[in-house]
N, C-alpha and C. Protein backbone atom coordinates (compact mmCIF):
# COMPACT_ATOMS: atom_id res chain seq x y z
N MET A 1 -12.01 17.59 12.28
CA MET A 1 -12.75 16.62 11.71
C MET A 1 -13.29 15.63 12.83
N ALA A 2 -14.58 15.50 12.71
CA ALA A 2 -15.18 14.53 13.79
C ALA A 2 -14.75 13.13 13.65
N LEU A 3 -14.55 12.42 14.74
CA LEU A 3 -14.24 10.93 14.68
C LEU A 3 -15.26 10.31 13.91
N GLY A 4 -15.00 9.52 12.81
CA GLY A 4 -15.83 8.80 12.12
C GLY A 4 -16.76 9.60 11.17
N GLY A 5 -16.49 10.85 11.12
CA GLY A 5 -17.27 11.62 10.19
C GLY A 5 -16.98 11.54 8.81
N LYS A 6 -17.68 12.18 7.96
CA LYS A 6 -17.28 12.16 6.55
C LYS A 6 -15.94 12.90 6.30
N ILE A 7 -15.04 12.35 5.52
CA ILE A 7 -13.66 12.94 5.32
C ILE A 7 -13.94 14.05 4.25
N ARG A 8 -13.52 15.27 4.62
CA ARG A 8 -13.71 16.31 3.68
C ARG A 8 -12.86 16.23 2.37
N SER A 9 -13.42 16.83 1.29
CA SER A 9 -12.81 16.75 -0.01
C SER A 9 -11.34 17.25 0.01
N ALA A 10 -11.24 18.38 0.81
CA ALA A 10 -9.86 18.97 0.89
C ALA A 10 -8.84 17.91 1.41
N THR A 11 -9.23 17.09 2.57
CA THR A 11 -8.45 16.08 3.20
C THR A 11 -8.18 14.98 2.15
N ARG A 12 -9.20 14.61 1.50
CA ARG A 12 -9.05 13.52 0.57
C ARG A 12 -8.02 13.94 -0.47
N GLN A 13 -8.03 15.11 -0.99
CA GLN A 13 -7.11 15.72 -2.01
C GLN A 13 -5.68 15.73 -1.40
N ALA A 14 -5.60 16.08 -0.16
CA ALA A 14 -4.32 16.18 0.60
C ALA A 14 -3.67 14.89 0.61
N VAL A 15 -4.46 13.78 0.97
CA VAL A 15 -3.97 12.49 0.96
C VAL A 15 -3.54 11.95 -0.40
N ARG A 16 -4.30 12.28 -1.44
CA ARG A 16 -3.89 11.91 -2.75
C ARG A 16 -2.51 12.51 -3.21
N GLN A 17 -2.42 13.74 -2.88
CA GLN A 17 -1.15 14.51 -3.24
C GLN A 17 -0.02 13.95 -2.48
N ARG A 18 -0.23 13.80 -1.16
CA ARG A 18 0.92 13.26 -0.33
C ARG A 18 1.39 11.84 -0.95
N ALA A 19 0.39 11.10 -1.35
CA ALA A 19 0.83 9.65 -1.93
C ALA A 19 1.17 9.65 -3.32
N ALA A 20 1.25 10.83 -3.95
CA ALA A 20 1.55 10.84 -5.46
C ALA A 20 0.69 10.03 -6.22
N GLU A 21 -0.52 9.97 -5.71
CA GLU A 21 -1.56 9.18 -6.43
C GLU A 21 -1.19 7.66 -6.61
N LEU A 22 -0.49 7.13 -5.67
CA LEU A 22 -0.23 5.74 -5.60
C LEU A 22 -0.72 5.14 -4.38
N CYS A 23 -1.32 3.84 -4.57
CA CYS A 23 -1.89 3.15 -3.41
C CYS A 23 -0.55 3.05 -2.55
N GLU A 24 -0.77 3.44 -1.26
CA GLU A 24 0.36 3.50 -0.30
C GLU A 24 0.92 1.97 0.02
N TYR A 25 0.14 1.05 -0.31
CA TYR A 25 0.56 -0.23 0.07
C TYR A 25 1.11 -0.98 -1.16
N CYS A 26 0.44 -1.15 -2.22
CA CYS A 26 0.98 -1.90 -3.44
C CYS A 26 1.53 -0.96 -4.50
N HIS A 27 1.45 0.35 -4.34
CA HIS A 27 2.10 1.26 -5.22
C HIS A 27 1.65 1.30 -6.70
N THR A 28 0.42 0.81 -6.80
CA THR A 28 -0.33 0.97 -8.13
C THR A 28 -0.72 2.40 -8.21
N SER A 29 -0.53 3.01 -9.39
CA SER A 29 -0.88 4.35 -9.68
C SER A 29 -2.30 4.49 -9.94
N GLU A 30 -3.04 5.37 -9.31
CA GLU A 30 -4.38 5.53 -9.41
C GLU A 30 -4.75 6.24 -10.65
N ARG A 31 -3.80 6.89 -11.44
CA ARG A 31 -3.87 7.65 -12.58
C ARG A 31 -4.44 6.81 -13.57
N TRP A 32 -3.96 5.51 -13.67
CA TRP A 32 -4.21 4.70 -14.85
C TRP A 32 -5.38 3.64 -14.66
N GLN A 33 -6.07 3.78 -13.42
CA GLN A 33 -7.13 2.94 -12.98
C GLN A 33 -8.44 3.37 -13.49
N TYR A 34 -9.48 2.58 -13.58
CA TYR A 34 -10.86 3.10 -13.88
C TYR A 34 -11.63 3.38 -12.73
N VAL A 35 -11.25 3.02 -11.44
CA VAL A 35 -11.94 3.41 -10.23
C VAL A 35 -11.06 4.22 -9.29
N SER A 36 -11.57 5.19 -8.75
CA SER A 36 -10.80 5.96 -7.96
C SER A 36 -10.44 5.18 -6.58
N PHE A 37 -9.23 5.48 -6.01
CA PHE A 37 -8.85 4.74 -4.92
C PHE A 37 -9.53 5.23 -3.58
N THR A 38 -9.44 4.59 -2.53
CA THR A 38 -10.20 4.85 -1.45
C THR A 38 -9.25 5.50 -0.39
N ILE A 39 -9.80 6.04 0.69
CA ILE A 39 -9.06 6.48 1.72
C ILE A 39 -9.11 5.53 2.87
N ASP A 40 -7.93 5.02 3.20
CA ASP A 40 -7.85 3.99 4.37
C ASP A 40 -7.50 4.69 5.69
N HIS A 41 -8.20 4.20 6.62
CA HIS A 41 -7.80 4.62 8.09
C HIS A 41 -6.71 3.76 8.41
N VAL A 42 -5.43 4.13 8.56
CA VAL A 42 -4.32 3.19 8.94
C VAL A 42 -4.63 2.54 10.28
N ILE A 43 -4.98 3.30 11.27
CA ILE A 43 -5.54 2.66 12.44
C ILE A 43 -7.02 2.77 12.32
N PRO A 44 -7.67 1.66 12.24
CA PRO A 44 -9.17 1.83 12.10
C PRO A 44 -9.90 2.58 13.19
N LEU A 45 -10.87 3.12 12.62
CA LEU A 45 -11.75 4.02 13.65
C LEU A 45 -12.20 2.88 14.82
N SER A 46 -12.59 1.73 14.55
CA SER A 46 -12.97 0.69 15.60
C SER A 46 -11.69 0.55 16.59
N LYS A 47 -10.49 0.85 16.30
CA LYS A 47 -9.37 0.62 17.25
C LYS A 47 -8.80 1.97 17.72
N GLY A 48 -9.66 2.97 17.58
CA GLY A 48 -9.11 4.27 18.09
C GLY A 48 -8.52 5.19 17.17
N GLY A 49 -8.59 4.86 15.78
CA GLY A 49 -8.07 5.84 14.84
C GLY A 49 -8.86 6.93 14.65
N THR A 50 -8.41 7.99 13.95
CA THR A 50 -9.16 9.23 13.74
C THR A 50 -9.26 9.44 12.17
N ASP A 51 -9.98 10.43 11.83
CA ASP A 51 -10.12 10.94 10.54
C ASP A 51 -9.23 11.88 10.16
N GLY A 52 -8.12 12.12 11.01
CA GLY A 52 -7.04 13.14 10.77
C GLY A 52 -6.15 12.72 9.66
N LEU A 53 -5.53 13.61 9.02
CA LEU A 53 -4.58 13.43 7.86
C LEU A 53 -3.49 12.41 8.29
N GLU A 54 -3.12 12.64 9.65
CA GLU A 54 -2.09 11.76 10.15
C GLU A 54 -2.28 10.24 10.25
N ASN A 55 -3.76 9.88 9.98
CA ASN A 55 -4.13 8.54 10.11
C ASN A 55 -4.70 8.00 8.83
N LEU A 56 -4.46 8.88 7.77
CA LEU A 56 -5.21 8.51 6.45
C LEU A 56 -4.10 8.08 5.31
N ALA A 57 -4.49 7.14 4.61
CA ALA A 57 -3.63 6.64 3.48
C ALA A 57 -4.47 6.46 2.23
N LEU A 58 -3.82 6.69 0.99
CA LEU A 58 -4.59 6.35 -0.15
C LEU A 58 -4.33 4.86 -0.42
N SER A 59 -5.45 4.21 -0.70
CA SER A 59 -5.39 2.69 -1.01
C SER A 59 -6.29 2.31 -2.07
N CYS A 60 -5.68 1.35 -2.91
CA CYS A 60 -6.59 0.82 -3.82
C CYS A 60 -7.63 -0.01 -3.25
N PHE A 61 -8.69 -0.21 -3.97
CA PHE A 61 -9.88 -0.87 -3.44
C PHE A 61 -9.47 -2.35 -2.78
N HIS A 62 -8.65 -3.05 -3.54
CA HIS A 62 -8.18 -4.43 -3.20
C HIS A 62 -7.46 -4.32 -1.77
N CYS A 63 -6.41 -3.34 -1.71
CA CYS A 63 -5.67 -3.35 -0.70
C CYS A 63 -6.58 -2.99 0.68
N ASN A 64 -7.46 -2.03 0.43
CA ASN A 64 -8.26 -1.58 1.48
C ASN A 64 -9.08 -2.66 1.99
N ARG A 65 -9.76 -3.41 1.09
CA ARG A 65 -10.58 -4.70 1.43
C ARG A 65 -9.84 -5.75 2.04
N LYS A 66 -8.64 -5.90 1.61
CA LYS A 66 -7.77 -7.08 2.33
C LYS A 66 -7.28 -6.55 3.72
N LYS A 67 -6.96 -5.19 3.80
CA LYS A 67 -6.57 -4.83 5.14
C LYS A 67 -7.68 -4.72 6.24
N GLY A 68 -8.77 -4.18 5.65
CA GLY A 68 -10.02 -4.02 6.49
C GLY A 68 -9.67 -3.37 7.77
N SER A 69 -9.94 -4.00 8.93
CA SER A 69 -9.68 -3.43 10.30
C SER A 69 -8.50 -3.87 10.98
N ARG A 70 -7.71 -4.60 10.22
CA ARG A 70 -6.48 -5.31 10.77
C ARG A 70 -5.27 -4.25 10.89
N THR A 71 -4.52 -4.45 11.94
CA THR A 71 -3.21 -3.67 12.11
C THR A 71 -2.07 -4.69 12.17
N LYS A 72 -2.30 -5.89 12.39
CA LYS A 72 -1.36 -6.93 12.52
C LYS A 72 -1.57 -8.15 11.61
N ALA A 73 -0.63 -8.84 11.26
CA ALA A 73 -0.61 -10.14 10.44
C ALA A 73 0.59 -11.06 10.68
N MET A 74 0.54 -12.20 10.29
CA MET A 74 1.54 -13.10 10.55
C MET A 74 2.63 -13.02 9.50
N ASP A 75 3.90 -12.97 10.01
CA ASP A 75 4.96 -13.09 9.10
C ASP A 75 5.21 -14.53 8.65
N PRO A 76 5.03 -14.81 7.43
CA PRO A 76 5.24 -16.23 6.87
C PRO A 76 6.57 -16.90 7.10
N VAL A 77 7.61 -16.09 7.43
CA VAL A 77 8.89 -16.66 7.74
C VAL A 77 9.04 -17.04 9.15
N THR A 78 8.68 -16.13 10.04
CA THR A 78 8.89 -16.45 11.46
C THR A 78 7.72 -16.89 12.20
N ALA A 79 6.51 -16.93 11.44
CA ALA A 79 5.21 -17.31 12.02
C ALA A 79 4.75 -16.37 13.33
N GLU A 80 5.46 -15.31 13.41
CA GLU A 80 5.07 -14.30 14.49
C GLU A 80 4.10 -13.30 14.07
N GLU A 81 3.23 -12.87 14.82
CA GLU A 81 2.33 -11.72 14.46
C GLU A 81 3.12 -10.48 14.62
N VAL A 82 3.00 -9.62 13.52
CA VAL A 82 3.75 -8.26 13.62
C VAL A 82 2.70 -7.28 13.04
N PHE A 83 3.04 -6.01 13.37
CA PHE A 83 2.19 -4.99 12.75
C PHE A 83 2.42 -4.92 11.22
N LEU A 84 1.25 -4.50 10.57
CA LEU A 84 1.38 -4.38 9.19
C LEU A 84 2.11 -3.19 8.82
N TYR A 85 2.63 -2.95 7.66
CA TYR A 85 3.16 -1.65 7.30
C TYR A 85 2.32 -0.49 7.37
N ASN A 86 2.68 0.66 8.07
CA ASN A 86 2.05 1.72 8.33
C ASN A 86 2.58 2.91 7.55
N PRO A 87 1.84 3.24 6.47
CA PRO A 87 2.47 4.37 5.58
C PRO A 87 2.76 5.67 6.22
N ARG A 88 2.14 5.82 7.51
CA ARG A 88 2.39 7.22 8.14
C ARG A 88 3.57 7.08 9.05
N ASN A 89 4.07 5.95 9.46
CA ASN A 89 5.13 5.67 10.35
C ASN A 89 6.33 5.02 9.73
N ASP A 90 6.14 4.27 8.68
CA ASP A 90 7.21 3.51 8.21
C ASP A 90 7.60 4.07 6.72
N ASN A 91 8.70 3.78 6.36
CA ASN A 91 9.11 4.15 5.01
C ASN A 91 9.05 2.91 4.15
N TRP A 92 8.47 3.03 2.97
CA TRP A 92 8.20 1.89 2.18
C TRP A 92 9.42 1.13 1.78
N GLN A 93 10.49 1.96 1.47
CA GLN A 93 11.77 1.28 0.95
C GLN A 93 12.47 0.52 2.13
N ASP A 94 12.06 0.74 3.42
CA ASP A 94 12.74 0.13 4.57
C ASP A 94 12.09 -1.37 4.56
N HIS A 95 11.00 -1.69 3.97
CA HIS A 95 10.27 -2.90 4.22
C HIS A 95 10.11 -3.71 2.93
N PHE A 96 10.27 -2.89 1.72
CA PHE A 96 9.89 -3.66 0.47
C PHE A 96 10.95 -3.17 -0.64
N ILE A 97 11.06 -4.18 -1.61
CA ILE A 97 11.84 -3.82 -2.70
C ILE A 97 11.02 -4.42 -3.96
N TRP A 98 11.32 -3.99 -5.16
CA TRP A 98 10.78 -4.63 -6.36
C TRP A 98 11.68 -5.73 -6.76
N SER A 99 11.08 -6.83 -7.13
CA SER A 99 11.85 -8.09 -7.64
C SER A 99 12.64 -7.65 -8.90
N SER A 100 13.61 -8.41 -9.28
CA SER A 100 14.48 -8.06 -10.49
C SER A 100 13.69 -7.80 -11.66
N ASP A 101 12.66 -8.34 -11.97
CA ASP A 101 11.83 -7.96 -13.12
C ASP A 101 10.78 -6.84 -12.92
N GLY A 102 10.82 -6.36 -11.71
CA GLY A 102 10.00 -5.23 -11.36
C GLY A 102 8.49 -5.46 -11.22
N LEU A 103 8.09 -6.66 -11.11
CA LEU A 103 6.67 -6.95 -11.17
C LEU A 103 6.18 -7.33 -9.78
N ARG A 104 7.01 -7.87 -8.90
CA ARG A 104 6.57 -8.39 -7.55
C ARG A 104 7.22 -7.41 -6.43
N ILE A 105 6.40 -7.20 -5.45
CA ILE A 105 6.90 -6.56 -4.32
C ILE A 105 7.42 -7.60 -3.31
N VAL A 106 8.72 -7.52 -2.94
CA VAL A 106 9.27 -8.42 -1.96
C VAL A 106 9.35 -7.76 -0.62
N GLY A 107 8.88 -8.46 0.38
CA GLY A 107 9.02 -7.95 1.71
C GLY A 107 10.42 -8.24 2.19
N THR A 108 11.07 -7.28 2.73
CA THR A 108 12.49 -7.52 3.27
C THR A 108 12.60 -7.54 4.65
N THR A 109 11.45 -7.30 5.45
CA THR A 109 11.42 -7.36 6.86
C THR A 109 10.22 -8.17 7.22
N ALA A 110 10.00 -8.53 8.59
CA ALA A 110 8.88 -9.13 9.06
C ALA A 110 7.64 -8.29 8.63
N ILE A 111 7.77 -7.08 8.84
CA ILE A 111 6.52 -6.19 8.54
C ILE A 111 6.15 -6.24 7.02
N GLY A 112 7.33 -6.13 6.32
CA GLY A 112 7.05 -6.28 4.77
C GLY A 112 6.47 -7.63 4.35
N ARG A 113 7.08 -8.64 4.89
CA ARG A 113 6.60 -10.00 4.48
C ARG A 113 5.11 -10.15 4.93
N ALA A 114 4.92 -9.80 6.09
CA ALA A 114 3.51 -9.92 6.60
C ALA A 114 2.40 -9.12 5.82
N THR A 115 2.81 -7.93 5.34
CA THR A 115 1.98 -6.99 4.77
C THR A 115 1.82 -7.64 3.18
N VAL A 116 2.91 -8.05 2.58
CA VAL A 116 2.69 -8.64 1.17
C VAL A 116 1.77 -9.84 1.27
N ALA A 117 1.83 -10.62 2.28
CA ALA A 117 1.01 -11.90 2.43
C ALA A 117 -0.38 -11.47 2.68
N ALA A 118 -0.57 -10.60 3.73
CA ALA A 118 -1.90 -10.36 4.15
C ALA A 118 -2.79 -9.44 3.18
N LEU A 119 -2.09 -8.55 2.54
CA LEU A 119 -2.81 -7.68 1.50
C LEU A 119 -2.58 -8.25 0.15
N ASP A 120 -2.05 -9.50 -0.02
CA ASP A 120 -1.96 -10.04 -1.41
C ASP A 120 -1.34 -9.19 -2.33
N LEU A 121 -0.14 -8.47 -2.01
CA LEU A 121 0.37 -7.43 -2.78
C LEU A 121 0.88 -7.90 -4.22
N ASN A 122 0.96 -9.17 -4.48
CA ASN A 122 1.34 -9.70 -5.67
C ASN A 122 0.31 -10.66 -6.29
N ARG A 123 -0.86 -10.15 -6.12
CA ARG A 123 -2.10 -10.99 -6.82
C ARG A 123 -1.97 -10.82 -8.38
N GLU A 124 -2.58 -11.98 -8.91
CA GLU A 124 -2.34 -12.04 -10.31
C GLU A 124 -2.92 -10.94 -11.14
N ARG A 125 -3.88 -10.37 -10.71
CA ARG A 125 -4.42 -9.04 -11.53
C ARG A 125 -3.46 -7.97 -11.40
N ILE A 126 -2.87 -7.69 -10.30
CA ILE A 126 -1.99 -6.51 -10.13
C ILE A 126 -0.60 -6.91 -10.94
N LEU A 127 -0.34 -8.19 -11.03
CA LEU A 127 0.88 -8.49 -11.72
C LEU A 127 0.64 -8.38 -13.20
N ASN A 128 -0.50 -8.53 -13.72
CA ASN A 128 -0.88 -8.19 -15.08
C ASN A 128 -0.89 -6.78 -15.39
N ILE A 129 -1.48 -6.01 -14.44
CA ILE A 129 -1.37 -4.65 -14.55
C ILE A 129 -0.02 -4.03 -14.63
N ARG A 130 0.87 -4.48 -13.69
CA ARG A 130 2.28 -4.09 -13.53
C ARG A 130 2.99 -4.26 -14.87
N SER A 131 2.74 -5.63 -15.39
CA SER A 131 3.47 -5.99 -16.70
C SER A 131 3.01 -5.11 -17.91
N ALA A 132 1.68 -4.78 -17.99
CA ALA A 132 1.13 -3.91 -18.98
C ALA A 132 1.69 -2.62 -18.83
N ASP A 133 1.80 -2.02 -17.56
CA ASP A 133 2.18 -0.75 -17.34
C ASP A 133 3.75 -0.53 -17.62
N ARG A 134 4.51 -1.69 -17.36
CA ARG A 134 5.93 -1.79 -17.67
C ARG A 134 6.22 -1.68 -19.12
N SER A 135 5.36 -2.29 -19.80
CA SER A 135 5.55 -2.34 -21.36
C SER A 135 5.37 -0.93 -22.02
N VAL A 136 4.75 0.01 -21.33
CA VAL A 136 4.43 1.36 -21.90
C VAL A 136 5.18 2.41 -21.05
N GLY A 137 6.05 1.87 -20.02
CA GLY A 137 7.01 2.79 -19.33
C GLY A 137 6.33 3.54 -18.09
N ARG A 138 5.34 2.97 -17.59
CA ARG A 138 4.57 3.54 -16.48
C ARG A 138 4.86 2.69 -15.20
N HIS A 139 5.74 1.68 -15.31
CA HIS A 139 6.01 0.89 -14.02
C HIS A 139 7.51 0.45 -14.02
N PRO A 140 8.16 0.50 -13.01
CA PRO A 140 7.62 0.97 -11.61
C PRO A 140 7.51 2.41 -11.61
N PRO A 141 6.64 2.87 -10.65
CA PRO A 141 6.38 4.35 -10.48
C PRO A 141 7.66 5.14 -10.28
N VAL A 142 7.84 6.20 -10.74
CA VAL A 142 9.08 7.11 -10.71
C VAL A 142 9.36 7.22 -9.17
N GLN A 143 8.47 7.16 -8.29
CA GLN A 143 8.80 7.24 -6.96
C GLN A 143 9.58 5.94 -6.42
N ASP A 144 9.44 4.89 -7.20
CA ASP A 144 10.12 3.55 -6.74
C ASP A 144 10.95 3.04 -7.78
N PRO A 145 12.21 3.71 -7.99
CA PRO A 145 13.08 3.19 -8.87
C PRO A 145 13.54 1.80 -8.45
N LEU A 146 13.80 0.95 -9.43
CA LEU A 146 14.21 -0.45 -9.17
C LEU A 146 15.42 -0.45 -8.28
N GLN A 147 15.37 -1.17 -7.22
CA GLN A 147 16.46 -1.19 -6.27
C GLN A 147 17.34 -2.48 -6.55
N LYS A 148 18.17 -2.69 -5.63
CA LYS A 148 19.09 -3.79 -5.78
C LYS A 148 18.28 -4.98 -6.12
N GLU A 149 18.73 -5.76 -7.09
CA GLU A 149 17.97 -6.93 -7.49
C GLU A 149 17.85 -8.02 -6.38
N GLN A 150 16.61 -8.56 -6.46
CA GLN A 150 16.41 -9.67 -5.54
C GLN A 150 15.58 -10.57 -6.09
N ARG A 151 15.69 -11.94 -6.18
CA ARG A 151 14.86 -12.90 -6.82
C ARG A 151 13.76 -13.22 -5.83
N THR A 152 12.61 -13.51 -6.29
CA THR A 152 11.53 -13.91 -5.49
C THR A 152 11.47 -15.38 -5.34
């Protein structure tokens, strides 16, 4: 695939399958949304990233827009600039847990906290979606069983 070229349909499908149709940042399920999710360049093309599968992630529109071309953000606890969560190199469970009510994503590391803040992973709209999905048994996603309780 050419750098910056159109991402092939087969590659898009591979990204969706690998992500289990979840936004790889906020873990919202694409299955229940009205708009198809986008393909994010984890390392933006403008910073040397490629269109290769190893640099692509499934992303809801909001997370993709908030992330933009950023690869770093400020950790709100330490006030240090850290890399954002990278779904190709990082394990989601190493940086995030669900709050005890299952509605909020809690960053457990500097990377997690910076990503929660920068991508606004607990925005009001997504909290409402998670609450509605929880009431019909669609949240948290099967891939994200509630972990050890932690209050936000």
